[in-house]
Amino acid sequence: MEIDLGANAFGLDFHPSKNLVAAGLIDGHLHLYRYDTESSLVRERKVRAHKESCRAVRFIDDGQRIVTASADCSILATDVETGASVARLENAHEDAVNTLITVTETTIASGDDKGCVKIWDTRQRSCSHEFNVHEDYISSMTFASDSMKLVATSGDGTLSVCNLRTSKVQAQSEFSEDELLSVVIIKNGRKAICGTQNGILMLYSWGFFKDCSDRFVDLSPNSVDVLLKLDEDRLITGCDNGIISLVGILPNRIIQPIGSHEFPIEDLALSHDNKFLGSTAHDSMLKLWDLEEIIEGQSGDPSGAADDSDSDNDGMDLDNDPKPSKGSKRKTKSKATNPVDNRAFFADM
């Protein structure tokens, strides 16, 4: 099923328990749609969330609110039932906010165009951590809940690992020749997979982040703009040629195409029951793909881990020096911040 949003959508997310999907548009609007199994999408509401483009969307608080991040540097919380603004932080970042993820039930993370990552405590309504590790925009983030580590990729060509327990940058990869655009953690936390501008998937072993342990080149030369974890052995890729593919990791292979848009893929998301895959692109279309129908009979390859020759020590956190090689001109720095007034999150409207 599909619907024309009327403008390009940057952010996409599904409600954690209901058949609702939210999209953040380039014109600053937030759209909320209800879908069913009869191939219909019905818009529930349209909210003018931001003055500039809405780049990221996430449901929080068990789906009671939607948090959006914008190029106007603001973060907004919107009530799902009423569409009313719950709270707005006008100057969440010093630069445009590019990405947003849920970290825990009470924390979210945001990354901006200058490479700054912030962690927000929704109970205290404040910024609890700030990491200035990258020199270019934050392209993607994911979170390892068992170790409380945030993994981020950047346009500067590096991957970073920030420890939320110690408020320190634990590791940073060597600089890649290309921008790192997307990241997921699979193989039960043993592998971090990064999509790149030249279409290569870079596989990093957990605890060994200086350089990748493997590369998968079959998607090249198409830029891998979006990665979405399906299970521990498979992920879904969205590329700049508009193709959405199901990819197996270790053994590395393209399993099958899932769908396509006419223009580059912008975002991917899974419904609460994993039945539908949502996709947005530069064609203003929101499409929902029936995964049960498309990949029926396909399953992850549990034997794939046997191909992971360097996995014996993957559980170890060995990269204690976060700095890139001495030959690089770039510097790494991080800091943790205590809540201050101008960072109050979800301040009363």
C-alpha atoms as a PDB file:
ATOM      1  CA  MET A   1       0.000   0.000   0.000  1.00  0.00           C
ATOM      2  CA  GLU A   2       1.182   3.554  -0.620  1.00  0.00           C
ATOM      3  CA  ILE A   3       0.180   7.190  -0.346  1.00  0.00           C
ATOM      4  CA  ASP A   4       1.521  10.462  -1.727  1.00  0.00           C
ATOM      5  CA  LEU A   5       2.576  12.672   1.190  1.00  0.00           C
ATOM      6  CA  GLY A   6       2.698  15.802  -0.924  1.00  0.00           C
ATOM      7  CA  ALA A   7       6.349  16.436   0.014  1.00  0.00           C
ATOM      8  CA  ASN A   8       9.483  14.414   0.595  1.00  0.00           C
ATOM      9  CA  ALA A   9       9.636  12.639   3.954  1.00  0.00           C
ATOM     10  CA  PHE A  10      12.888  12.396   5.909  1.00  0.00           C
ATOM     11  CA  GLY A  11      11.828  10.588   9.098  1.00  0.00           C
ATOM     12  CA  LEU A  12       9.606   7.538   9.577  1.00  0.00           C
ATOM     13  CA  ASP A  13       8.497   5.492  12.597  1.00  0.00           C
ATOM     14  CA  PHE A  14       5.761   3.035  13.577  1.00  0.00           C
ATOM     15  CA  HIS A  15       3.739   3.077  16.786  1.00  0.00           C
ATOM     16  CA  PRO A  16       4.996   0.401  19.230  1.00  0.00           C
ATOM     17  CA  SER A  17       1.602  -1.329  19.552  1.00  0.00           C
ATOM     18  CA  LYS A  18      -1.002   0.252  17.232  1.00  0.00           C
ATOM     19  CA  ASN A  19      -1.362   0.362  13.448  1.00  0.00           C
ATOM     20  CA  LEU A  20      -0.067   3.909  13.201  1.00  0.00           C
ATOM     21  CA  VAL A  21       2.874   5.285  11.249  1.00  0.00           C
ATOM     22  CA  ALA A  22       4.349   8.789  11.479  1.00  0.00           C
ATOM     23  CA  ALA A  23       6.335  10.683   8.854  1.00  0.00           C
ATOM     24  CA  GLY A  24       8.324  13.915   9.149  1.00  0.00           C
ATOM     25  CA  LEU A  25       8.325  16.028   5.989  1.00  0.00           C
ATOM     26  CA  ILE A  26      10.742  18.414   4.345  1.00  0.00           C
ATOM     27  CA  ASP A  27       8.240  21.265   4.793  1.00  0.00           C
ATOM     28  CA  GLY A  28       8.259  20.850   8.593  1.00  0.00           C
ATOM     29  CA  HIS A  29       4.938  18.978   8.848  1.00  0.00           C
ATOM     30  CA  LEU A  30       4.326  15.822  10.847  1.00  0.00           C
ATOM     31  CA  HIS A  31       1.859  13.347   9.329  1.00  0.00           C
ATOM     32  CA  LEU A  32       0.200  10.508  11.228  1.00  0.00           C
ATOM     33  CA  TYR A  33      -1.466   7.671   9.321  1.00  0.00           C
ATOM     34  CA  ARG A  34      -3.550   4.669  10.301  1.00  0.00           C
ATOM     35  CA  TYR A  35      -3.120   1.510   8.254  1.00  0.00           C
ATOM     36  CA  ASP A  36      -4.865  -1.859   8.125  1.00  0.00           C
ATOM     37  CA  THR A  37      -4.422  -5.243   6.484  1.00  0.00           C
ATOM     38  CA  GLU A  38      -6.814  -4.283   3.692  1.00  0.00           C
ATOM     39  CA  SER A  39      -4.183  -2.163   1.957  1.00  0.00           C
ATOM     40  CA  SER A  40      -5.392   1.257   3.032  1.00  0.00           C
ATOM     41  CA  LEU A  41      -3.598   4.247   4.549  1.00  0.00           C
ATOM     42  CA  VAL A  42      -5.726   6.960   6.134  1.00  0.00           C
ATOM     43  CA  ARG A  43      -4.284  10.185   7.487  1.00  0.00           C
ATOM     44  CA  GLU A  44      -5.238  10.797  11.098  1.00  0.00           C
ATOM     45  CA  ARG A  45      -3.748  14.272  11.389  1.00  0.00           C
ATOM     46  CA  LYS A  46      -1.308  16.799  10.005  1.00  0.00           C
ATOM     47  CA  VAL A  47       0.711  19.010  12.362  1.00  0.00           C
ATOM     48  CA  ARG A  48       2.989  21.923  11.519  1.00  0.00           C
ATOM     49  CA  ALA A  49       5.748  20.756  13.821  1.00  0.00           C
ATOM     50  CA  HIS A  50       8.733  22.851  12.721  1.00  0.00           C
ATOM     51  CA  LYS A  51       9.623  25.976  10.767  1.00  0.00           C
ATOM     52  CA  GLU A  52      12.163  24.010   8.724  1.00  0.00           C
ATOM     53  CA  SER A  53      12.435  20.389   7.586  1.00  0.00           C
ATOM     54  CA  CYS A  54      11.460  17.627  10.010  1.00  0.00           C
ATOM     55  CA  ARG A  55      14.397  15.246   9.742  1.00  0.00           C
ATOM     56  CA  ALA A  56      13.651  12.576  12.345  1.00  0.00           C
ATOM     57  CA  VAL A  57      10.592  11.029  14.018  1.00  0.00           C
ATOM     58  CA  ARG A  58      10.282   8.695  17.012  1.00  0.00           C
ATOM     59  CA  PHE A  59       7.384   7.433  19.138  1.00  0.00           C
ATOM     60  CA  ILE A  60       8.139   7.574  22.872  1.00  0.00           C
ATOM     61  CA  ASP A  61       6.313   6.951  26.162  1.00  0.00           C
ATOM     62  CA  ASP A  62       4.724   3.706  24.905  1.00  0.00           C
ATOM     63  CA  GLY A  63       3.431   5.532  21.862  1.00  0.00           C
ATOM     64  CA  GLN A  64       1.700   8.365  23.712  1.00  0.00           C
ATOM     65  CA  ARG A  65       3.944  11.028  22.160  1.00  0.00           C
ATOM     66  CA  ILE A  66       5.908  11.603  18.992  1.00  0.00           C
ATOM     67  CA  VAL A  67       9.271  13.350  19.196  1.00  0.00           C
ATOM     68  CA  THR A  68      10.533  15.145  16.093  1.00  0.00           C
ATOM     69  CA  ALA A  69      13.860  16.806  15.308  1.00  0.00           C
ATOM     70  CA  SER A  70      14.404  19.554  12.789  1.00  0.00           C
ATOM     71  CA  ALA A  71      16.858  21.534  10.706  1.00  0.00           C
ATOM     72  CA  ASP A  72      15.715  24.561  12.729  1.00  0.00           C
ATOM     73  CA  CYS A  73      17.670  23.088  15.703  1.00  0.00           C
ATOM     74  CA  SER A  74      14.510  22.302  17.695  1.00  0.00           C
ATOM     75  CA  ILE A  75      13.043  19.128  19.176  1.00  0.00           C
ATOM     76  CA  LEU A  76       9.270  18.854  19.639  1.00  0.00           C
ATOM     77  CA  ALA A  77       7.055  16.436  21.564  1.00  0.00           C
ATOM     78  CA  THR A  78       3.530  15.996  20.154  1.00  0.00           C
ATOM     79  CA  ASP A  79       0.590  14.199  21.757  1.00  0.00           C
ATOM     80  CA  VAL A  80      -0.503  11.296  19.556  1.00  0.00           C
ATOM     81  CA  GLU A  81      -4.185  11.405  20.505  1.00  0.00           C
ATOM     82  CA  THR A  82      -4.751  15.144  20.169  1.00  0.00           C
ATOM     83  CA  GLY A  83      -1.923  16.375  17.946  1.00  0.00           C
ATOM     84  CA  ALA A  84      -1.213  19.116  20.476  1.00  0.00           C
ATOM     85  CA  SER A  85       2.315  20.253  21.271  1.00  0.00           C
ATOM     86  CA  VAL A  86       3.370  18.845  24.619  1.00  0.00           C
ATOM     87  CA  ALA A  87       6.736  20.604  24.777  1.00  0.00           C
ATOM     88  CA  ARG A  88       9.293  22.238  22.536  1.00  0.00           C
ATOM     89  CA  LEU A  89      13.016  22.831  22.934  1.00  0.00           C
ATOM     90  CA  GLU A  90      13.899  25.625  20.526  1.00  0.00           C
ATOM     91  CA  ASN A  91      17.685  25.391  20.751  1.00  0.00           C
ATOM     92  CA  ALA A  92      18.305  21.721  21.365  1.00  0.00           C
ATOM     93  CA  HIS A  93      21.487  21.899  19.290  1.00  0.00           C
ATOM     94  CA  GLU A  94      23.658  24.658  17.912  1.00  0.00           C
ATOM     95  CA  ASP A  95      23.171  23.251  14.418  1.00  0.00           C
ATOM     96  CA  ALA A  96      20.494  21.375  12.473  1.00  0.00           C
ATOM     97  CA  VAL A  97      19.397  18.135  14.164  1.00  0.00           C
ATOM     98  CA  ASN A  98      19.820  15.292  11.703  1.00  0.00           C
ATOM     99  CA  THR A  99      18.991  12.091  13.555  1.00  0.00           C
ATOM    100  CA  LEU A 100      17.071  10.914  16.615  1.00  0.00           C
ATOM    101  CA  ILE A 101      16.741   7.515  18.303  1.00  0.00           C
ATOM    102  CA  THR A 102      15.169   6.022  21.412  1.00  0.00           C
ATOM    103  CA  VAL A 103      17.835   4.882  23.863  1.00  0.00           C
ATOM    104  CA  THR A 104      15.816   3.625  26.855  1.00  0.00           C
ATOM    105  CA  GLU A 105      12.269   4.124  28.090  1.00  0.00           C
ATOM    106  CA  THR A 106      13.287   7.462  29.560  1.00  0.00           C
ATOM    107  CA  THR A 107      16.104   8.650  27.296  1.00  0.00           C
ATOM    108  CA  ILE A 108      16.549   9.620  23.665  1.00  0.00           C
ATOM    109  CA  ALA A 109      19.628  10.596  21.646  1.00  0.00           C
ATOM    110  CA  SER A 110      19.976  13.279  18.987  1.00  0.00           C
ATOM    111  CA  GLY A 111      22.791  14.063  16.550  1.00  0.00           C
ATOM    112  CA  ASP A 112      23.384  17.256  14.584  1.00  0.00           C
ATOM    113  CA  ASP A 113      25.112  18.515  11.448  1.00  0.00           C
ATOM    114  CA  LYS A 114      28.265  19.523  13.341  1.00  0.00           C
ATOM    115  CA  GLY A 115      28.853  16.038  14.746  1.00  0.00           C
ATOM    116  CA  CYS A 116      27.489  16.606  18.252  1.00  0.00           C
ATOM    117  CA  VAL A 117      25.519  13.834  19.996  1.00  0.00           C
ATOM    118  CA  LYS A 118      23.281  14.618  22.978  1.00  0.00           C
ATOM    119  CA  ILE A 119      21.460  12.302  25.365  1.00  0.00           C
ATOM    120  CA  TRP A 120      18.184  13.615  26.799  1.00  0.00           C
ATOM    121  CA  ASP A 121      16.559  12.430  30.025  1.00  0.00           C
ATOM    122  CA  THR A 122      12.808  12.721  29.481  1.00  0.00           C
ATOM    123  CA  ARG A 123      12.069  12.418  33.226  1.00  0.00           C
ATOM    124  CA  GLN A 124      14.414  15.223  34.260  1.00  0.00           C
ATOM    125  CA  ARG A 125      13.641  17.032  31.009  1.00  0.00           C
ATOM    126  CA  SER A 126      17.295  17.846  30.459  1.00  0.00           C
ATOM    127  CA  CYS A 127      20.440  17.003  28.530  1.00  0.00           C
ATOM    128  CA  SER A 128      22.404  14.446  30.552  1.00  0.00           C
ATOM    129  CA  HIS A 129      25.333  13.769  28.197  1.00  0.00           C
ATOM    130  CA  GLU A 130      27.030  15.535  25.323  1.00  0.00           C
ATOM    131  CA  PHE A 131      29.647  14.000  23.040  1.00  0.00           C
ATOM    132  CA  ASN A 132      31.591  16.076  20.522  1.00  0.00           C
ATOM    133  CA  VAL A 133      33.510  13.281  18.844  1.00  0.00           C
ATOM    134  CA  HIS A 134      32.813  13.877  15.131  1.00  0.00           C
ATOM    135  CA  GLU A 135      33.742  16.670  12.748  1.00  0.00           C
ATOM    136  CA  ASP A 136      30.850  16.292  10.333  1.00  0.00           C
ATOM    137  CA  TYR A 137      27.144  15.507  10.503  1.00  0.00           C
ATOM    138  CA  ILE A 138      25.830  12.532  12.488  1.00  0.00           C
ATOM    139  CA  SER A 139      24.301  10.270   9.850  1.00  0.00           C
ATOM    140  CA  SER A 140      22.969   7.420  11.986  1.00  0.00           C
ATOM    141  CA  MET A 141      22.926   6.029  15.526  1.00  0.00           C
ATOM    142  CA  THR A 142      22.058   2.793  17.271  1.00  0.00           C
ATOM    143  CA  PHE A 143      22.211   1.629  20.880  1.00  0.00           C
ATOM    144  CA  ALA A 144      23.592  -1.496  22.581  1.00  0.00           C
ATOM    145  CA  SER A 145      21.354  -1.729  25.632  1.00  0.00           C
ATOM    146  CA  ASP A 146      23.278  -4.530  27.364  1.00  0.00           C
ATOM    147  CA  SER A 147      26.459  -2.483  27.552  1.00  0.00           C
ATOM    148  CA  MET A 148      24.865   1.002  27.547  1.00  0.00           C
ATOM    149  CA  LYS A 149      26.904   2.090  24.544  1.00  0.00           C
ATOM    150  CA  LEU A 150      25.768   4.396  21.761  1.00  0.00           C
ATOM    151  CA  VAL A 151      27.211   3.751  18.304  1.00  0.00           C
ATOM    152  CA  ALA A 152      27.189   6.651  15.836  1.00  0.00           C
ATOM    153  CA  THR A 153      28.340   7.130  12.242  1.00  0.00           C
ATOM    154  CA  SER A 154      29.306  10.386  10.624  1.00  0.00           C
ATOM    155  CA  GLY A 155      29.965  12.153   7.380  1.00  0.00           C
ATOM    156  CA  ASP A 156      33.575  12.461   8.544  1.00  0.00           C
ATOM    157  CA  GLY A 157      34.030   8.782   7.689  1.00  0.00           C
ATOM    158  CA  THR A 158      34.272   7.394  11.214  1.00  0.00           C
ATOM    159  CA  LEU A 159      32.268   5.309  13.654  1.00  0.00           C
ATOM    160  CA  SER A 160      32.253   6.134  17.363  1.00  0.00           C
ATOM    161  CA  VAL A 161      31.244   4.255  20.508  1.00  0.00           C
ATOM    162  CA  CYS A 162      30.110   6.372  23.470  1.00  0.00           C
ATOM    163  CA  ASN A 163      29.758   4.788  26.894  1.00  0.00           C
ATOM    164  CA  LEU A 164      26.756   6.248  28.712  1.00  0.00           C
ATOM    165  CA  ARG A 165      27.814   4.748  32.041  1.00  0.00           C
ATOM    166  CA  THR A 166      31.190   6.492  32.086  1.00  0.00           C
ATOM    167  CA  SER A 167      30.216   9.488  29.918  1.00  0.00           C
ATOM    168  CA  LYS A 168      33.281   8.850  27.765  1.00  0.00           C
ATOM    169  CA  VAL A 169      34.019   8.049  24.137  1.00  0.00           C
ATOM    170  CA  GLN A 170      35.225   4.476  24.307  1.00  0.00           C
ATOM    171  CA  ALA A 171      36.348   4.033  20.703  1.00  0.00           C
ATOM    172  CA  GLN A 172      36.522   5.661  17.308  1.00  0.00           C
ATOM    173  CA  SER A 173      37.350   3.957  14.037  1.00  0.00           C
ATOM    174  CA  GLU A 174      40.046   4.957  11.611  1.00  0.00           C
ATOM    175  CA  PHE A 175      38.885   7.350   8.920  1.00  0.00           C
ATOM    176  CA  SER A 176      37.178   5.706   5.989  1.00  0.00           C
ATOM    177  CA  GLU A 177      37.618   6.960   2.451  1.00  0.00           C
ATOM    178  CA  ASP A 178      33.861   7.453   2.256  1.00  0.00           C
ATOM    179  CA  GLU A 179      31.111   8.872   4.421  1.00  0.00           C
ATOM    180  CA  LEU A 180      29.508   6.369   6.794  1.00  0.00           C
ATOM    181  CA  LEU A 181      25.757   6.799   6.329  1.00  0.00           C
ATOM    182  CA  SER A 182      24.010   4.124   8.399  1.00  0.00           C
ATOM    183  CA  VAL A 183      24.656   1.605  11.174  1.00  0.00           C
ATOM    184  CA  VAL A 184      23.001  -1.403  12.843  1.00  0.00           C
ATOM    185  CA  ILE A 185      24.142  -3.961  15.427  1.00  0.00           C
ATOM    186  CA  ILE A 186      23.460  -7.634  14.663  1.00  0.00           C
ATOM    187  CA  LYS A 187      24.813 -11.126  15.381  1.00  0.00           C
ATOM    188  CA  ASN A 188      23.697 -10.844  19.021  1.00  0.00           C
ATOM    189  CA  GLY A 189      25.780  -7.731  19.530  1.00  0.00           C
ATOM    190  CA  ARG A 190      28.968  -9.086  17.988  1.00  0.00           C
ATOM    191  CA  LYS A 191      28.892  -7.053  14.758  1.00  0.00           C
ATOM    192  CA  ALA A 192      28.279  -3.409  13.853  1.00  0.00           C
ATOM    193  CA  ILE A 193      27.418  -2.991  10.167  1.00  0.00           C
ATOM    194  CA  CYS A 194      27.915   0.362   8.424  1.00  0.00           C
ATOM    195  CA  GLY A 195      26.571   1.474   5.063  1.00  0.00           C
ATOM    196  CA  THR A 196      28.789   3.774   3.010  1.00  0.00           C
ATOM    197  CA  GLN A 197      28.530   6.290   0.223  1.00  0.00           C
ATOM    198  CA  ASN A 198      30.244   3.970  -2.244  1.00  0.00           C
ATOM    199  CA  GLY A 199      27.878   1.083  -1.495  1.00  0.00           C
ATOM    200  CA  ILE A 200      30.231  -1.074   0.574  1.00  0.00           C
ATOM    201  CA  LEU A 201      28.967  -2.569   3.832  1.00  0.00           C
ATOM    202  CA  MET A 202      31.705  -2.398   6.459  1.00  0.00           C
ATOM    203  CA  LEU A 203      31.567  -5.036   9.203  1.00  0.00           C
ATOM    204  CA  TYR A 204      33.123  -4.140  12.556  1.00  0.00           C
ATOM    205  CA  SER A 205      33.674  -6.725  15.301  1.00  0.00           C
ATOM    206  CA  TRP A 206      32.511  -5.534  18.699  1.00  0.00           C
ATOM    207  CA  GLY A 207      35.492  -4.382  20.738  1.00  0.00           C
ATOM    208  CA  PHE A 208      37.681  -4.009  17.631  1.00  0.00           C
ATOM    209  CA  PHE A 209      36.483  -0.738  16.135  1.00  0.00           C
ATOM    210  CA  LYS A 210      39.733   0.676  14.747  1.00  0.00           C
ATOM    211  CA  ASP A 211      39.192  -1.015  11.384  1.00  0.00           C
ATOM    212  CA  CYS A 212      36.515  -3.186   9.851  1.00  0.00           C
ATOM    213  CA  SER A 213      36.927  -6.972   9.898  1.00  0.00           C
ATOM    214  CA  ASP A 214      35.086  -7.599   6.626  1.00  0.00           C
ATOM    215  CA  ARG A 215      33.558  -5.807   3.643  1.00  0.00           C
ATOM    216  CA  PHE A 216      30.536  -6.660   1.517  1.00  0.00           C
ATOM    217  CA  VAL A 217      30.696  -5.060  -1.923  1.00  0.00           C
ATOM    218  CA  ASP A 218      27.713  -6.498  -3.817  1.00  0.00           C
ATOM    219  CA  LEU A 219      25.598  -3.345  -3.353  1.00  0.00           C
ATOM    220  CA  SER A 220      28.306  -1.072  -4.773  1.00  0.00           C
ATOM    221  CA  PRO A 221      28.373   1.478  -6.366  1.00  0.00           C
ATOM    222  CA  ASN A 222      24.943   2.431  -4.998  1.00  0.00           C
ATOM    223  CA  SER A 223      25.128   4.441  -1.788  1.00  0.00           C
ATOM    224  CA  VAL A 224      23.677   2.539   1.207  1.00  0.00           C
ATOM    225  CA  ASP A 225      21.741   5.374   2.811  1.00  0.00           C
ATOM    226  CA  VAL A 226      19.655   3.320   5.263  1.00  0.00           C
ATOM    227  CA  LEU A 227      20.152   0.072   7.180  1.00  0.00           C
ATOM    228  CA  LEU A 228      17.407  -1.643   9.172  1.00  0.00           C
ATOM    229  CA  LYS A 229      17.870  -4.757  11.295  1.00  0.00           C
ATOM    230  CA  LEU A 230      15.371  -7.530  10.554  1.00  0.00           C
ATOM    231  CA  ASP A 231      16.888 -10.205  12.801  1.00  0.00           C
ATOM    232  CA  GLU A 232      20.329 -11.287  14.013  1.00  0.00           C
ATOM    233  CA  ASP A 233      21.365 -12.613  10.579  1.00  0.00           C
ATOM    234  CA  ARG A 234      19.549 -10.334   8.135  1.00  0.00           C
ATOM    235  CA  LEU A 235      19.194  -6.633   7.495  1.00  0.00           C
ATOM    236  CA  ILE A 236      17.318  -4.469   5.021  1.00  0.00           C
ATOM    237  CA  THR A 237      19.165  -1.926   2.894  1.00  0.00           C
ATOM    238  CA  GLY A 238      17.884   1.237   1.232  1.00  0.00           C
ATOM    239  CA  CYS A 239      20.073   2.612  -1.534  1.00  0.00           C
ATOM    240  CA  ASP A 240      20.275   5.746  -3.651  1.00  0.00           C
ATOM    241  CA  ASN A 241      19.065   3.821  -6.708  1.00  0.00           C
ATOM    242  CA  GLY A 242      15.698   3.423  -4.946  1.00  0.00           C
ATOM    243  CA  ILE A 243      16.111  -0.332  -4.385  1.00  0.00           C
ATOM    244  CA  ILE A 244      15.233  -1.955  -1.044  1.00  0.00           C
ATOM    245  CA  SER A 245      16.968  -5.308  -0.497  1.00  0.00           C
ATOM    246  CA  LEU A 246      17.107  -8.107   2.044  1.00  0.00           C
ATOM    247  CA  VAL A 247      20.752  -8.878   2.842  1.00  0.00           C
ATOM    248  CA  GLY A 248      22.278 -11.721   4.834  1.00  0.00           C
ATOM    249  CA  ILE A 249      25.361 -11.153   6.965  1.00  0.00           C
ATOM    250  CA  LEU A 250      27.996 -13.850   7.542  1.00  0.00           C
ATOM    251  CA  PRO A 251      27.581 -15.432   5.105  1.00  0.00           C
ATOM    252  CA  ASN A 252      27.297 -12.145   3.194  1.00  0.00           C
ATOM    253  CA  ARG A 253      24.790 -12.212   0.355  1.00  0.00           C
ATOM    254  CA  ILE A 254      21.901 -10.349  -1.217  1.00  0.00           C
ATOM    255  CA  ILE A 255      18.963 -12.627  -0.448  1.00  0.00           C
ATOM    256  CA  GLN A 256      16.275 -10.881  -2.487  1.00  0.00           C
ATOM    257  CA  PRO A 257      14.854  -7.493  -3.497  1.00  0.00           C
ATOM    258  CA  ILE A 258      11.931  -6.270  -1.397  1.00  0.00           C
ATOM    259  CA  GLY A 259      10.690  -3.225  -3.292  1.00  0.00           C
ATOM    260  CA  SER A 260      11.666   0.057  -4.859  1.00  0.00           C
ATOM    261  CA  HIS A 261      11.023   3.781  -5.230  1.00  0.00           C
ATOM    262  CA  GLU A 262      11.819   5.945  -8.217  1.00  0.00           C
ATOM    263  CA  PHE A 263      14.312   7.998  -6.220  1.00  0.00           C
ATOM    264  CA  PRO A 264      16.851   7.456  -3.388  1.00  0.00           C
ATOM    265  CA  ILE A 265      15.568   5.804  -0.210  1.00  0.00           C
ATOM    266  CA  GLU A 266      15.376   8.183   2.741  1.00  0.00           C
ATOM    267  CA  ASP A 267      14.179   6.040   5.660  1.00  0.00           C
ATOM    268  CA  LEU A 268      12.969   2.539   6.576  1.00  0.00           C
ATOM    269  CA  ALA A 269      11.012   1.264   9.593  1.00  0.00           C
ATOM    270  CA  LEU A 270       9.277  -1.921  10.772  1.00  0.00           C
ATOM    271  CA  SER A 271       5.739  -2.103  12.145  1.00  0.00           C
ATOM    272  CA  HIS A 272       5.208  -3.245  15.737  1.00  0.00           C
ATOM    273  CA  ASP A 273       4.443  -6.808  14.614  1.00  0.00           C
ATOM    274  CA  ASN A 274       7.140  -6.866  11.894  1.00  0.00           C
ATOM    275  CA  LYS A 275       4.441  -7.515   9.306  1.00  0.00           C
ATOM    276  CA  PHE A 276       4.984  -4.295   7.363  1.00  0.00           C
ATOM    277  CA  LEU A 277       8.102  -2.492   6.212  1.00  0.00           C
ATOM    278  CA  GLY A 278       7.652   1.238   5.748  1.00  0.00           C
ATOM    279  CA  SER A 279       9.779   3.197   3.289  1.00  0.00           C
ATOM    280  CA  THR A 280      10.130   6.828   2.245  1.00  0.00           C
ATOM    281  CA  ALA A 281      12.192   8.299  -0.566  1.00  0.00           C
ATOM    282  CA  HIS A 282      12.790  11.490  -2.518  1.00  0.00           C
ATOM    283  CA  ASP A 283       9.570  10.871  -4.465  1.00  0.00           C
ATOM    284  CA  SER A 284       7.153  12.021  -1.690  1.00  0.00           C
ATOM    285  CA  MET A 285       5.695   8.500  -1.448  1.00  0.00           C
ATOM    286  CA  LEU A 286       5.127   6.526   1.754  1.00  0.00           C
ATOM    287  CA  LYS A 287       5.018   2.817   0.954  1.00  0.00           C
ATOM    288  CA  LEU A 288       4.172  -0.122   3.200  1.00  0.00           C
ATOM    289  CA  TRP A 289       5.443  -3.519   2.088  1.00  0.00           C
ATOM    290  CA  ASP A 290       3.905  -6.766   3.370  1.00  0.00           C
ATOM    291  CA  LEU A 291       7.038  -8.567   4.543  1.00  0.00           C
ATOM    292  CA  GLU A 292       5.205 -11.785   5.353  1.00  0.00           C
ATOM    293  CA  GLU A 293       4.107 -12.011   1.756  1.00  0.00           C
ATOM    294  CA  ILE A 294       7.360 -10.841   0.163  1.00  0.00           C
ATOM    295  CA  ILE A 295       9.840 -12.973   2.104  1.00  0.00           C
ATOM    296  CA  GLU A 296       7.604 -15.936   2.918  1.00  0.00           C
ATOM    297  CA  GLY A 297       9.699 -19.023   3.393  1.00  0.00           C
ATOM    298  CA  GLN A 298      12.906 -17.066   3.962  1.00  0.00           C
ATOM    299  CA  SER A 299      14.641 -17.361   7.323  1.00  0.00           C
ATOM    300  CA  GLY A 300      17.889 -16.293   8.924  1.00  0.00           C
ATOM    301  CA  ASP A 301      20.867 -18.611   8.622  1.00  0.00           C
ATOM    302  CA  PRO A 302      21.869 -19.558  12.142  1.00  0.00           C
ATOM    303  CA  SER A 303      24.994 -21.181  10.767  1.00  0.00           C
ATOM    304  CA  GLY A 304      26.191 -17.779   9.599  1.00  0.00           C
ATOM    305  CA  ALA A 305      28.031 -17.214  12.856  1.00  0.00           C
ATOM    306  CA  ALA A 306      30.376 -20.038  11.915  1.00  0.00           C
ATOM    307  CA  ASP A 307      31.749 -17.841   9.162  1.00  0.00           C
ATOM    308  CA  ASP A 308      32.690 -15.163  11.680  1.00  0.00           C
ATOM    309  CA  SER A 309      36.296 -16.184  12.091  1.00  0.00           C
ATOM    310  CA  ASP A 310      37.219 -13.324  14.437  1.00  0.00           C
ATOM    311  CA  SER A 311      34.225 -13.601  16.740  1.00  0.00           C
ATOM    312  CA  ASP A 312      36.004 -15.358  19.629  1.00  0.00           C
ATOM    313  CA  ASN A 313      36.789 -12.084  21.355  1.00  0.00           C
ATOM    314  CA  ASP A 314      33.873 -10.013  20.093  1.00  0.00           C
ATOM    315  CA  GLY A 315      32.403  -9.605  23.548  1.00  0.00           C
ATOM    316  CA  MET A 316      35.518  -7.844  24.805  1.00  0.00           C
ATOM    317  CA  ASP A 317      35.701  -4.070  24.978  1.00  0.00           C
ATOM    318  CA  LEU A 318      39.294  -3.643  23.862  1.00  0.00           C
ATOM    319  CA  ASP A 319      39.319  -0.286  22.080  1.00  0.00           C
ATOM    320  CA  ASN A 320      40.181   1.974  24.989  1.00  0.00           C
ATOM    321  CA  ASP A 321      41.922   4.680  22.945  1.00  0.00           C
ATOM    322  CA  PRO A 322      39.230   6.556  20.990  1.00  0.00           C
ATOM    323  CA  LYS A 323      41.640   8.680  18.987  1.00  0.00           C
ATOM    324  CA  PRO A 324      42.187   8.159  15.247  1.00  0.00           C
ATOM    325  CA  SER A 325      45.701   7.537  13.951  1.00  0.00           C
ATOM    326  CA  LYS A 326      48.345  10.179  14.621  1.00  0.00           C
ATOM    327  CA  GLY A 327      48.543  10.994  10.932  1.00  0.00           C
ATOM    328  CA  SER A 328      45.056  12.454  11.016  1.00  0.00           C
ATOM    329  CA  LYS A 329      44.490  16.152  11.528  1.00  0.00           C
ATOM    330  CA  ARG A 330      41.160  15.555  13.189  1.00  0.00           C
ATOM    331  CA  LYS A 331      40.797  15.598  16.942  1.00  0.00           C
ATOM    332  CA  THR A 332      38.449  13.726  19.231  1.00  0.00           C
ATOM    333  CA  LYS A 333      36.887  15.189  22.334  1.00  0.00           C
ATOM    334  CA  SER A 334      33.939  14.429  24.555  1.00  0.00           C
ATOM    335  CA  LYS A 335      32.258  15.796  27.597  1.00  0.00           C
ATOM    336  CA  ALA A 336      29.348  15.054  29.874  1.00  0.00           C
ATOM    337  CA  THR A 337      27.107  17.852  30.968  1.00  0.00           C
ATOM    338  CA  ASN A 338      24.919  18.389  33.962  1.00  0.00           C
ATOM    339  CA  PRO A 339      21.383  19.611  33.368  1.00  0.00           C
ATOM    340  CA  VAL A 340      21.223  23.367  32.884  1.00  0.00           C
ATOM    341  CA  ASP A 341      18.332  25.720  32.350  1.00  0.00           C
ATOM    342  CA  ASN A 342      18.813  26.322  28.629  1.00  0.00           C
ATOM    343  CA  ARG A 343      18.721  22.598  27.983  1.00  0.00           C
ATOM    344  CA  ALA A 344      15.504  21.829  29.804  1.00  0.00           C
ATOM    345  CA  PHE A 345      13.760  19.084  27.865  1.00  0.00           C
ATOM    346  CA  PHE A 346      10.003  18.985  27.495  1.00  0.00           C
ATOM    347  CA  ALA A 347       9.613  22.264  29.329  1.00  0.00           C
ATOM    348  CA  ASP A 348       5.982  23.120  29.924  1.00  0.00           C
ATOM    349  CA  MET A 349       4.354  24.941  27.050  1.00  0.00           C
END
